[in-house]
């Protein structure tokens, strides 16, 4: 994030139904800030 200065950060959750992964994704989104969004991914 510091090096690339992205316009958006997409956090992809490949196991979105697991509470542990939901927590990790939410924590990452909070650490990145308002440019971060979490997206469940259930298929190739």
ModelCIF file with pLDDT and N, C-alpha, C, O atoms, coordinates in Angstrom:
data_MODEL
#
_entry.id   MODEL 
#
_entity.id                         1 
_entity.type                       polymer 
_entity.pdbx_number_of_molecules   1 
#
_entity_poly.entity_id                      1 
_entity_poly.type                           'polypeptide(L)' 
_entity_poly.nstd_linkage                   no 
_entity_poly.nstd_monomer                   no 
_entity_poly.pdbx_seq_one_letter_code       
;(UNK)(UNK)(UNK)(UNK)(UNK)(UNK)(UNK)(UNK)(UNK)(UNK)(UNK)(UNK)(UNK)(UNK)(UNK)(UNK)
(UNK)(UNK)(UNK)(UNK)(UNK)(UNK)(UNK)(UNK)(UNK)(UNK)(UNK)(UNK)(UNK)(UNK)(UNK)(UNK)
(UNK)(UNK)(UNK)(UNK)(UNK)(UNK)(UNK)(UNK)(UNK)(UNK)(UNK)(UNK)
;
_entity_poly.pdbx_seq_one_letter_code_can   XXXXXXXXXXXXXXXXXXXXXXXXXXXXXXXXXXXXXXXXXXXX 
_entity_poly.pdbx_strand_id                 A 
#
loop_
_entity_poly_seq.entity_id 
_entity_poly_seq.num 
_entity_poly_seq.mon_id 
_entity_poly_seq.hetero 
1 1  UNK n 
1 2  UNK n 
1 3  UNK n 
1 4  UNK n 
1 5  UNK n 
1 6  UNK n 
1 7  UNK n 
1 8  UNK n 
1 9  UNK n 
1 10 UNK n 
1 11 UNK n 
1 12 UNK n 
1 13 UNK n 
1 14 UNK n 
1 15 UNK n 
1 16 UNK n 
1 17 UNK n 
1 18 UNK n 
1 19 UNK n 
1 20 UNK n 
1 21 UNK n 
1 22 UNK n 
1 23 UNK n 
1 24 UNK n 
1 25 UNK n 
1 26 UNK n 
1 27 UNK n 
1 28 UNK n 
1 29 UNK n 
1 30 UNK n 
1 31 UNK n 
1 32 UNK n 
1 33 UNK n 
1 34 UNK n 
1 35 UNK n 
1 36 UNK n 
1 37 UNK n 
1 38 UNK n 
1 39 UNK n 
1 40 UNK n 
1 41 UNK n 
1 42 UNK n 
1 43 UNK n 
1 44 UNK n 
#
_struct_asym.id          A 
_struct_asym.entity_id   1 
#
loop_
_ma_qa_metric.id 
_ma_qa_metric.mode 
_ma_qa_metric.name 
_ma_qa_metric.software_group_id 
_ma_qa_metric.type 
1 global pLDDT . pLDDT 
2 local  pLDDT . pLDDT 
#
_ma_qa_metric_global.metric_id      1 
_ma_qa_metric_global.metric_value   95.68 
_ma_qa_metric_global.model_id       1 
_ma_qa_metric_global.ordinal_id     1 
#
loop_
_ma_qa_metric_local.label_asym_id 
_ma_qa_metric_local.label_comp_id 
_ma_qa_metric_local.label_seq_id 
_ma_qa_metric_local.metric_id 
_ma_qa_metric_local.metric_value 
_ma_qa_metric_local.model_id 
_ma_qa_metric_local.ordinal_id 
A UNK 1  2 96.00 1 1  
A UNK 2  2 96.00 1 2  
A UNK 3  2 95.00 1 3  
A UNK 4  2 94.00 1 4  
A UNK 5  2 95.00 1 5  
A UNK 6  2 95.00 1 6  
A UNK 7  2 94.00 1 7  
A UNK 8  2 95.00 1 8  
A UNK 9  2 97.00 1 9  
A UNK 10 2 97.00 1 10 
A UNK 11 2 98.00 1 11 
A UNK 12 2 98.00 1 12 
A UNK 13 2 97.00 1 13 
A UNK 14 2 96.00 1 14 
A UNK 15 2 96.00 1 15 
A UNK 16 2 96.00 1 16 
A UNK 17 2 96.00 1 17 
A UNK 18 2 96.00 1 18 
A UNK 19 2 97.00 1 19 
A UNK 20 2 96.00 1 20 
A UNK 21 2 95.00 1 21 
A UNK 22 2 96.00 1 22 
A UNK 23 2 96.00 1 23 
A UNK 24 2 96.00 1 24 
A UNK 25 2 97.00 1 25 
A UNK 26 2 97.00 1 26 
A UNK 27 2 96.00 1 27 
A UNK 28 2 96.00 1 28 
A UNK 29 2 97.00 1 29 
A UNK 30 2 96.00 1 30 
A UNK 31 2 94.00 1 31 
A UNK 32 2 95.00 1 32 
A UNK 33 2 94.00 1 33 
A UNK 34 2 94.00 1 34 
A UNK 35 2 96.00 1 35 
A UNK 36 2 97.00 1 36 
A UNK 37 2 97.00 1 37 
A UNK 38 2 98.00 1 38 
A UNK 39 2 97.00 1 39 
A UNK 40 2 97.00 1 40 
A UNK 41 2 96.00 1 41 
A UNK 42 2 95.00 1 42 
A UNK 43 2 91.00 1 43 
A UNK 44 2 87.00 1 44 
#
loop_
_atom_site.group_PDB 
_atom_site.id 
_atom_site.type_symbol 
_atom_site.label_atom_id 
_atom_site.label_alt_id 
_atom_site.label_comp_id 
_atom_site.label_asym_id 
_atom_site.label_entity_id 
_atom_site.label_seq_id 
_atom_site.pdbx_PDB_ins_code 
_atom_site.Cartn_x 
_atom_site.Cartn_y 
_atom_site.Cartn_z 
_atom_site.occupancy 
_atom_site.B_iso_or_equiv 
_atom_site.pdbx_formal_charge 
_atom_site.auth_seq_id 
_atom_site.auth_comp_id 
_atom_site.auth_asym_id 
_atom_site.auth_atom_id 
_atom_site.pdbx_PDB_model_num 
ATOM 1   N N  . UNK A 1 1  ? 0.845   -1.205  0.000   1.00 96.00 ? 1  UNK A N  1 
ATOM 2   C CA . UNK A 1 1  ? 0.000   0.000   0.000   1.00 96.00 ? 1  UNK A CA 1 
ATOM 3   C C  . UNK A 1 1  ? 0.879   1.254   0.000   1.00 96.00 ? 1  UNK A C  1 
ATOM 4   O O  . UNK A 1 1  ? 0.622   2.195   -0.751  1.00 96.00 ? 1  UNK A O  1 
ATOM 5   N N  . UNK A 1 2  ? 1.909   1.265   0.837   1.00 96.00 ? 2  UNK A N  1 
ATOM 6   C CA . UNK A 1 2  ? 2.805   2.422   0.900   1.00 96.00 ? 2  UNK A CA 1 
ATOM 7   C C  . UNK A 1 2  ? 3.567   2.618   -0.408  1.00 96.00 ? 2  UNK A C  1 
ATOM 8   O O  . UNK A 1 2  ? 3.693   3.740   -0.898  1.00 96.00 ? 2  UNK A O  1 
ATOM 9   N N  . UNK A 1 3  ? 4.071   1.525   -0.966  1.00 95.00 ? 3  UNK A N  1 
ATOM 10  C CA . UNK A 1 3  ? 4.891   1.610   -2.175  1.00 95.00 ? 3  UNK A CA 1 
ATOM 11  C C  . UNK A 1 3  ? 4.062   1.914   -3.423  1.00 95.00 ? 3  UNK A C  1 
ATOM 12  O O  . UNK A 1 3  ? 4.451   2.750   -4.238  1.00 95.00 ? 3  UNK A O  1 
ATOM 13  N N  . UNK A 1 4  ? 2.928   1.243   -3.574  1.00 94.00 ? 4  UNK A N  1 
ATOM 14  C CA . UNK A 1 4  ? 2.148   1.343   -4.806  1.00 94.00 ? 4  UNK A CA 1 
ATOM 15  C C  . UNK A 1 4  ? 1.102   2.452   -4.801  1.00 94.00 ? 4  UNK A C  1 
ATOM 16  O O  . UNK A 1 4  ? 0.661   2.891   -5.863  1.00 94.00 ? 4  UNK A O  1 
ATOM 17  N N  . UNK A 1 5  ? 0.707   2.902   -3.631  1.00 95.00 ? 5  UNK A N  1 
ATOM 18  C CA . UNK A 1 5  ? -0.337  3.926   -3.497  1.00 95.00 ? 5  UNK A CA 1 
ATOM 19  C C  . UNK A 1 5  ? -1.545  3.604   -4.384  1.00 95.00 ? 5  UNK A C  1 
ATOM 20  O O  . UNK A 1 5  ? -1.888  4.375   -5.281  1.00 95.00 ? 5  UNK A O  1 
ATOM 21  N N  . UNK A 1 6  ? -2.183  2.462   -4.126  1.00 95.00 ? 6  UNK A N  1 
ATOM 22  C CA . UNK A 1 6  ? -3.289  2.030   -4.990  1.00 95.00 ? 6  UNK A CA 1 
ATOM 23  C C  . UNK A 1 6  ? -4.520  2.922   -4.856  1.00 95.00 ? 6  UNK A C  1 
ATOM 24  O O  . UNK A 1 6  ? -4.737  3.559   -3.825  1.00 95.00 ? 6  UNK A O  1 
ATOM 25  N N  . UNK A 1 7  ? -5.313  2.953   -5.911  1.00 94.00 ? 7  UNK A N  1 
ATOM 26  C CA . UNK A 1 7  ? -6.579  3.689   -5.879  1.00 94.00 ? 7  UNK A CA 1 
ATOM 27  C C  . UNK A 1 7  ? -7.643  2.894   -5.134  1.00 94.00 ? 7  UNK A C  1 
ATOM 28  O O  . UNK A 1 7  ? -8.599  3.459   -4.603  1.00 94.00 ? 7  UNK A O  1 
ATOM 29  N N  . UNK A 1 8  ? -7.466  1.576   -5.102  1.00 95.00 ? 8  UNK A N  1 
ATOM 30  C CA . UNK A 1 8  ? -8.397  0.699   -4.397  1.00 95.00 ? 8  UNK A CA 1 
ATOM 31  C C  . UNK A 1 8  ? -7.647  -0.551  -3.961  1.00 95.00 ? 8  UNK A C  1 
ATOM 32  O O  . UNK A 1 8  ? -6.688  -0.977  -4.605  1.00 95.00 ? 8  UNK A O  1 
ATOM 33  N N  . UNK A 1 9  ? -8.099  -1.125  -2.863  1.00 97.00 ? 9  UNK A N  1 
ATOM 34  C CA . UNK A 1 9  ? -7.558  -2.392  -2.382  1.00 97.00 ? 9  UNK A CA 1 
ATOM 35  C C  . UNK A 1 9  ? -8.731  -3.355  -2.251  1.00 97.00 ? 9  UNK A C  1 
ATOM 36  O O  . UNK A 1 9  ? -9.657  -3.122  -1.475  1.00 97.00 ? 9  UNK A O  1 
ATOM 37  N N  . UNK A 1 10 ? -8.679  -4.435  -3.018  1.00 97.00 ? 10 UNK A N  1 
ATOM 38  C CA . UNK A 1 10 ? -9.702  -5.484  -2.953  1.00 97.00 ? 10 UNK A CA 1 
ATOM 39  C C  . UNK A 1 10 ? -9.159  -6.634  -2.137  1.00 97.00 ? 10 UNK A C  1 
ATOM 40  O O  . UNK A 1 10 ? -8.151  -7.246  -2.493  1.00 97.00 ? 10 UNK A O  1 
ATOM 41  N N  . UNK A 1 11 ? -9.821  -6.917  -1.061  1.00 98.00 ? 11 UNK A N  1 
ATOM 42  C CA . UNK A 1 11 ? -9.442  -8.054  -0.230  1.00 98.00 ? 11 UNK A CA 1 
ATOM 43  C C  . UNK A 1 11 ? -10.387 -9.195  -0.603  1.00 98.00 ? 11 UNK A C  1 
ATOM 44  O O  . UNK A 1 11 ? -11.600 -9.104  -0.409  1.00 98.00 ? 11 UNK A O  1 
ATOM 45  N N  . UNK A 1 12 ? -9.813  -10.268 -1.139  1.00 98.00 ? 12 UNK A N  1 
ATOM 46  C CA . UNK A 1 12 ? -10.617 -11.390 -1.602  1.00 98.00 ? 12 UNK A CA 1 
ATOM 47  C C  . UNK A 1 12 ? -10.633 -12.480 -0.536  1.00 98.00 ? 12 UNK A C  1 
ATOM 48  O O  . UNK A 1 12 ? -9.584  -12.945 -0.090  1.00 98.00 ? 12 UNK A O  1 
ATOM 49  N N  . UNK A 1 13 ? -11.816 -12.872 -0.143  1.00 97.00 ? 13 UNK A N  1 
ATOM 50  C CA . UNK A 1 13 ? -11.990 -13.943 0.823   1.00 97.00 ? 13 UNK A CA 1 
ATOM 51  C C  . UNK A 1 13 ? -12.389 -15.205 0.081   1.00 97.00 ? 13 UNK A C  1 
ATOM 52  O O  . UNK A 1 13 ? -13.500 -15.307 -0.440  1.00 97.00 ? 13 UNK A O  1 
ATOM 53  N N  . UNK A 1 14 ? -11.471 -16.170 0.036   1.00 96.00 ? 14 UNK A N  1 
ATOM 54  C CA . UNK A 1 14 ? -11.738 -17.408 -0.688  1.00 96.00 ? 14 UNK A CA 1 
ATOM 55  C C  . UNK A 1 14 ? -12.410 -18.455 0.196   1.00 96.00 ? 14 UNK A C  1 
ATOM 56  O O  . UNK A 1 14 ? -12.795 -19.522 -0.282  1.00 96.00 ? 14 UNK A O  1 
ATOM 57  N N  . UNK A 1 15 ? -12.548 -18.151 1.474   1.00 96.00 ? 15 UNK A N  1 
ATOM 58  C CA . UNK A 1 15 ? -13.335 -18.980 2.387   1.00 96.00 ? 15 UNK A CA 1 
ATOM 59  C C  . UNK A 1 15 ? -14.241 -18.034 3.189   1.00 96.00 ? 15 UNK A C  1 
ATOM 60  O O  . UNK A 1 15 ? -14.113 -17.923 4.409   1.00 96.00 ? 15 UNK A O  1 
ATOM 61  N N  . UNK A 1 16 ? -15.143 -17.367 2.495   1.00 96.00 ? 16 UNK A N  1 
ATOM 62  C CA . UNK A 1 16 ? -15.919 -16.293 3.129   1.00 96.00 ? 16 UNK A CA 1 
ATOM 63  C C  . UNK A 1 16 ? -16.899 -16.745 4.199   1.00 96.00 ? 16 UNK A C  1 
ATOM 64  O O  . UNK A 1 16 ? -17.414 -15.910 4.943   1.00 96.00 ? 16 UNK A O  1 
ATOM 65  N N  . UNK A 1 17 ? -17.173 -18.035 4.300   1.00 96.00 ? 17 UNK A N  1 
ATOM 66  C CA . UNK A 1 17 ? -18.114 -18.511 5.304   1.00 96.00 ? 17 UNK A CA 1 
ATOM 67  C C  . UNK A 1 17 ? -17.447 -18.874 6.620   1.00 96.00 ? 17 UNK A C  1 
ATOM 68  O O  . UNK A 1 17 ? -18.125 -19.276 7.566   1.00 96.00 ? 17 UNK A O  1 
ATOM 69  N N  . UNK A 1 18 ? -16.140 -18.740 6.693   1.00 96.00 ? 18 UNK A N  1 
ATOM 70  C CA . UNK A 1 18 ? -15.410 -19.049 7.916   1.00 96.00 ? 18 UNK A CA 1 
ATOM 71  C C  . UNK A 1 18 ? -15.185 -17.775 8.724   1.00 96.00 ? 18 UNK A C  1 
ATOM 72  O O  . UNK A 1 18 ? -14.664 -16.784 8.214   1.00 96.00 ? 18 UNK A O  1 
ATOM 73  N N  . UNK A 1 19 ? -15.583 -17.820 9.975   1.00 97.00 ? 19 UNK A N  1 
ATOM 74  C CA . UNK A 1 19 ? -15.484 -16.651 10.860  1.00 97.00 ? 19 UNK A CA 1 
ATOM 75  C C  . UNK A 1 19 ? -14.040 -16.173 10.984  1.00 97.00 ? 19 UNK A C  1 
ATOM 76  O O  . UNK A 1 19 ? -13.786 -14.969 11.015  1.00 97.00 ? 19 UNK A O  1 
ATOM 77  N N  . UNK A 1 20 ? -13.094 -17.111 11.055  1.00 96.00 ? 20 UNK A N  1 
ATOM 78  C CA . UNK A 1 20 ? -11.681 -16.721 11.192  1.00 96.00 ? 20 UNK A CA 1 
ATOM 79  C C  . UNK A 1 20 ? -11.227 -15.900 9.998   1.00 96.00 ? 20 UNK A C  1 
ATOM 80  O O  . UNK A 1 20 ? -10.505 -14.916 10.158  1.00 96.00 ? 20 UNK A O  1 
ATOM 81  N N  . UNK A 1 21 ? -11.646 -16.299 8.796   1.00 95.00 ? 21 UNK A N  1 
ATOM 82  C CA . UNK A 1 21 ? -11.248 -15.542 7.615   1.00 95.00 ? 21 UNK A CA 1 
ATOM 83  C C  . UNK A 1 21 ? -11.974 -14.202 7.560   1.00 95.00 ? 21 UNK A C  1 
ATOM 84  O O  . UNK A 1 21 ? -11.395 -13.208 7.120   1.00 95.00 ? 21 UNK A O  1 
ATOM 85  N N  . UNK A 1 22 ? -13.206 -14.158 7.989   1.00 96.00 ? 22 UNK A N  1 
ATOM 86  C CA . UNK A 1 22 ? -13.934 -12.889 8.040   1.00 96.00 ? 22 UNK A CA 1 
ATOM 87  C C  . UNK A 1 22 ? -13.184 -11.898 8.938   1.00 96.00 ? 22 UNK A C  1 
ATOM 88  O O  . UNK A 1 22 ? -13.066 -10.715 8.616   1.00 96.00 ? 22 UNK A O  1 
ATOM 89  N N  . UNK A 1 23 ? -12.688 -12.398 10.055  1.00 96.00 ? 23 UNK A N  1 
ATOM 90  C CA . UNK A 1 23 ? -11.932 -11.531 10.979  1.00 96.00 ? 23 UNK A CA 1 
ATOM 91  C C  . UNK A 1 23 ? -10.644 -11.018 10.350  1.00 96.00 ? 23 UNK A C  1 
ATOM 92  O O  . UNK A 1 23 ? -10.314 -9.838  10.466  1.00 96.00 ? 23 UNK A O  1 
ATOM 93  N N  . UNK A 1 24 ? -9.919  -11.914 9.684   1.00 96.00 ? 24 UNK A N  1 
ATOM 94  C CA . UNK A 1 24 ? -8.662  -11.507 9.037   1.00 96.00 ? 24 UNK A CA 1 
ATOM 95  C C  . UNK A 1 24 ? -8.940  -10.457 7.976   1.00 96.00 ? 24 UNK A C  1 
ATOM 96  O O  . UNK A 1 24 ? -8.232  -9.454  7.889   1.00 96.00 ? 24 UNK A O  1 
ATOM 97  N N  . UNK A 1 25 ? -9.964  -10.683 7.172   1.00 97.00 ? 25 UNK A N  1 
ATOM 98  C CA . UNK A 1 25 ? -10.300 -9.728  6.099   1.00 97.00 ? 25 UNK A CA 1 
ATOM 99  C C  . UNK A 1 25 ? -10.728 -8.380  6.678   1.00 97.00 ? 25 UNK A C  1 
ATOM 100 O O  . UNK A 1 25 ? -10.324 -7.332  6.173   1.00 97.00 ? 25 UNK A O  1 
ATOM 101 N N  . UNK A 1 26 ? -11.538 -8.402  7.726   1.00 97.00 ? 26 UNK A N  1 
ATOM 102 C CA . UNK A 1 26 ? -11.986 -7.158  8.362   1.00 97.00 ? 26 UNK A CA 1 
ATOM 103 C C  . UNK A 1 26 ? -10.806 -6.412  8.973   1.00 97.00 ? 26 UNK A C  1 
ATOM 104 O O  . UNK A 1 26 ? -10.735 -5.186  8.890   1.00 97.00 ? 26 UNK A O  1 
ATOM 105 N N  . UNK A 1 27 ? -9.890  -7.139  9.581   1.00 96.00 ? 27 UNK A N  1 
ATOM 106 C CA . UNK A 1 27 ? -8.709  -6.518  10.177  1.00 96.00 ? 27 UNK A CA 1 
ATOM 107 C C  . UNK A 1 27 ? -7.824  -5.880  9.103   1.00 96.00 ? 27 UNK A C  1 
ATOM 108 O O  . UNK A 1 27 ? -7.330  -4.767  9.283   1.00 96.00 ? 27 UNK A O  1 
ATOM 109 N N  . UNK A 1 28 ? -7.628  -6.581  8.001   1.00 96.00 ? 28 UNK A N  1 
ATOM 110 C CA . UNK A 1 28 ? -6.841  -6.016  6.904   1.00 96.00 ? 28 UNK A CA 1 
ATOM 111 C C  . UNK A 1 28 ? -7.507  -4.771  6.342   1.00 96.00 ? 28 UNK A C  1 
ATOM 112 O O  . UNK A 1 28 ? -6.843  -3.765  6.088   1.00 96.00 ? 28 UNK A O  1 
ATOM 113 N N  . UNK A 1 29 ? -8.824  -4.839  6.147   1.00 97.00 ? 29 UNK A N  1 
ATOM 114 C CA . UNK A 1 29 ? -9.557  -3.684  5.608   1.00 97.00 ? 29 UNK A CA 1 
ATOM 115 C C  . UNK A 1 29 ? -9.416  -2.491  6.545   1.00 97.00 ? 29 UNK A C  1 
ATOM 116 O O  . UNK A 1 29 ? -9.209  -1.366  6.092   1.00 97.00 ? 29 UNK A O  1 
ATOM 117 N N  . UNK A 1 30 ? -9.525  -2.726  7.829   1.00 96.00 ? 30 UNK A N  1 
ATOM 118 C CA . UNK A 1 30 ? -9.392  -1.635  8.802   1.00 96.00 ? 30 UNK A CA 1 
ATOM 119 C C  . UNK A 1 30 ? -7.987  -1.049  8.775   1.00 96.00 ? 30 UNK A C  1 
ATOM 120 O O  . UNK A 1 30 ? -7.818  0.162   8.915   1.00 96.00 ? 30 UNK A O  1 
ATOM 121 N N  . UNK A 1 31 ? -6.983  -1.893  8.597   1.00 94.00 ? 31 UNK A N  1 
ATOM 122 C CA . UNK A 1 31 ? -5.605  -1.398  8.597   1.00 94.00 ? 31 UNK A CA 1 
ATOM 123 C C  . UNK A 1 31 ? -5.282  -0.597  7.336   1.00 94.00 ? 31 UNK A C  1 
ATOM 124 O O  . UNK A 1 31 ? -4.420  0.282   7.366   1.00 94.00 ? 31 UNK A O  1 
ATOM 125 N N  . UNK A 1 32 ? -5.967  -0.894  6.230   1.00 95.00 ? 32 UNK A N  1 
ATOM 126 C CA . UNK A 1 32 ? -5.733  -0.185  4.966   1.00 95.00 ? 32 UNK A CA 1 
ATOM 127 C C  . UNK A 1 32 ? -6.536  1.111   4.923   1.00 95.00 ? 32 UNK A C  1 
ATOM 128 O O  . UNK A 1 32 ? -6.043  2.130   4.437   1.00 95.00 ? 32 UNK A O  1 
ATOM 129 N N  . UNK A 1 33 ? -7.753  1.080   5.420   1.00 94.00 ? 33 UNK A N  1 
ATOM 130 C CA . UNK A 1 33 ? -8.580  2.285   5.426   1.00 94.00 ? 33 UNK A CA 1 
ATOM 131 C C  . UNK A 1 33 ? -9.691  2.249   4.392   1.00 94.00 ? 33 UNK A C  1 
ATOM 132 O O  . UNK A 1 33 ? -10.075 1.182   3.912   1.00 94.00 ? 33 UNK A O  1 
ATOM 133 N N  . UNK A 1 34 ? -10.199 3.409   4.057   1.00 94.00 ? 34 UNK A N  1 
ATOM 134 C CA . UNK A 1 34 ? -11.414 3.527   3.253   1.00 94.00 ? 34 UNK A CA 1 
ATOM 135 C C  . UNK A 1 34 ? -11.286 3.044   1.807   1.00 94.00 ? 34 UNK A C  1 
ATOM 136 O O  . UNK A 1 34 ? -12.301 2.841   1.141   1.00 94.00 ? 34 UNK A O  1 
ATOM 137 N N  . UNK A 1 35 ? -10.078 2.860   1.316   1.00 96.00 ? 35 UNK A N  1 
ATOM 138 C CA . UNK A 1 35 ? -9.933  2.370   -0.063  1.00 96.00 ? 35 UNK A CA 1 
ATOM 139 C C  . UNK A 1 35 ? -10.070 0.848   -0.145  1.00 96.00 ? 35 UNK A C  1 
ATOM 140 O O  . UNK A 1 35 ? -10.042 0.284   -1.239  1.00 96.00 ? 35 UNK A O  1 
ATOM 141 N N  . UNK A 1 36 ? -10.217 0.179   1.003   1.00 97.00 ? 36 UNK A N  1 
ATOM 142 C CA . UNK A 1 36 ? -10.286 -1.282  1.038   1.00 97.00 ? 36 UNK A CA 1 
ATOM 143 C C  . UNK A 1 36 ? -11.728 -1.775  1.067   1.00 97.00 ? 36 UNK A C  1 
ATOM 144 O O  . UNK A 1 36 ? -12.574 -1.234  1.778   1.00 97.00 ? 36 UNK A O  1 
ATOM 145 N N  . UNK A 1 37 ? -11.983 -2.801  0.286   1.00 97.00 ? 37 UNK A N  1 
ATOM 146 C CA . UNK A 1 37 ? -13.275 -3.492  0.296   1.00 97.00 ? 37 UNK A CA 1 
ATOM 147 C C  . UNK A 1 37 ? -13.011 -4.992  0.330   1.00 97.00 ? 37 UNK A C  1 
ATOM 148 O O  . UNK A 1 37 ? -12.008 -5.475  -0.195  1.00 97.00 ? 37 UNK A O  1 
ATOM 149 N N  . UNK A 1 38 ? -13.932 -5.716  0.958   1.00 98.00 ? 38 UNK A N  1 
ATOM 150 C CA . UNK A 1 38 ? -13.814 -7.176  1.071   1.00 98.00 ? 38 UNK A CA 1 
ATOM 151 C C  . UNK A 1 38 ? -14.813 -7.814  0.114   1.00 98.00 ? 38 UNK A C  1 
ATOM 152 O O  . UNK A 1 38 ? -15.976 -7.414  0.053   1.00 98.00 ? 38 UNK A O  1 
ATOM 153 N N  . UNK A 1 39 ? -14.344 -8.807  -0.630  1.00 97.00 ? 39 UNK A N  1 
ATOM 154 C CA . UNK A 1 39 ? -15.168 -9.479  -1.633  1.00 97.00 ? 39 UNK A CA 1 
ATOM 155 C C  . UNK A 1 39 ? -15.123 -10.994 -1.419  1.00 97.00 ? 39 UNK A C  1 
ATOM 156 O O  . UNK A 1 39 ? -14.042 -11.583 -1.424  1.00 97.00 ? 39 UNK A O  1 
ATOM 157 N N  . UNK A 1 40 ? -16.281 -11.630 -1.232  1.00 97.00 ? 40 UNK A N  1 
ATOM 158 C CA . UNK A 1 40 ? -16.283 -13.093 -1.168  1.00 97.00 ? 40 UNK A CA 1 
ATOM 159 C C  . UNK A 1 40 ? -16.031 -13.670 -2.559  1.00 97.00 ? 40 UNK A C  1 
ATOM 160 O O  . UNK A 1 40 ? -16.567 -13.175 -3.551  1.00 97.00 ? 40 UNK A O  1 
ATOM 161 N N  . UNK A 1 41 ? -15.222 -14.709 -2.624  1.00 96.00 ? 41 UNK A N  1 
ATOM 162 C CA . UNK A 1 41 ? -14.922 -15.369 -3.889  1.00 96.00 ? 41 UNK A CA 1 
ATOM 163 C C  . UNK A 1 41 ? -15.224 -16.849 -3.717  1.00 96.00 ? 41 UNK A C  1 
ATOM 164 O O  . UNK A 1 41 ? -14.621 -17.530 -2.888  1.00 96.00 ? 41 UNK A O  1 
ATOM 165 N N  . UNK A 1 42 ? -16.162 -17.331 -4.508  1.00 95.00 ? 42 UNK A N  1 
ATOM 166 C CA . UNK A 1 42 ? -16.588 -18.725 -4.370  1.00 95.00 ? 42 UNK A CA 1 
ATOM 167 C C  . UNK A 1 42 ? -16.369 -19.554 -5.632  1.00 95.00 ? 42 UNK A C  1 
ATOM 168 O O  . UNK A 1 42 ? -16.728 -20.731 -5.675  1.00 95.00 ? 42 UNK A O  1 
ATOM 169 N N  . UNK A 1 43 ? -15.788 -18.950 -6.646  1.00 91.00 ? 43 UNK A N  1 
ATOM 170 C CA . UNK A 1 43 ? -15.571 -19.705 -7.887  1.00 91.00 ? 43 UNK A CA 1 
ATOM 171 C C  . UNK A 1 43 ? -14.321 -19.193 -8.594  1.00 91.00 ? 43 UNK A C  1 
ATOM 172 O O  . UNK A 1 43 ? -13.831 -18.095 -8.333  1.00 91.00 ? 43 UNK A O  1 
ATOM 173 N N  . UNK A 1 44 ? -13.835 -20.019 -9.483  1.00 87.00 ? 44 UNK A N  1 
ATOM 174 C CA . UNK A 1 44 ? -12.687 -19.653 -10.304 1.00 87.00 ? 44 UNK A CA 1 
ATOM 175 C C  . UNK A 1 44 ? -13.015 -18.451 -11.189 1.00 87.00 ? 44 UNK A C  1 
ATOM 176 O O  . UNK A 1 44 ? -12.164 -17.997 -11.954 1.00 87.00 ? 44 UNK A O  1 
#
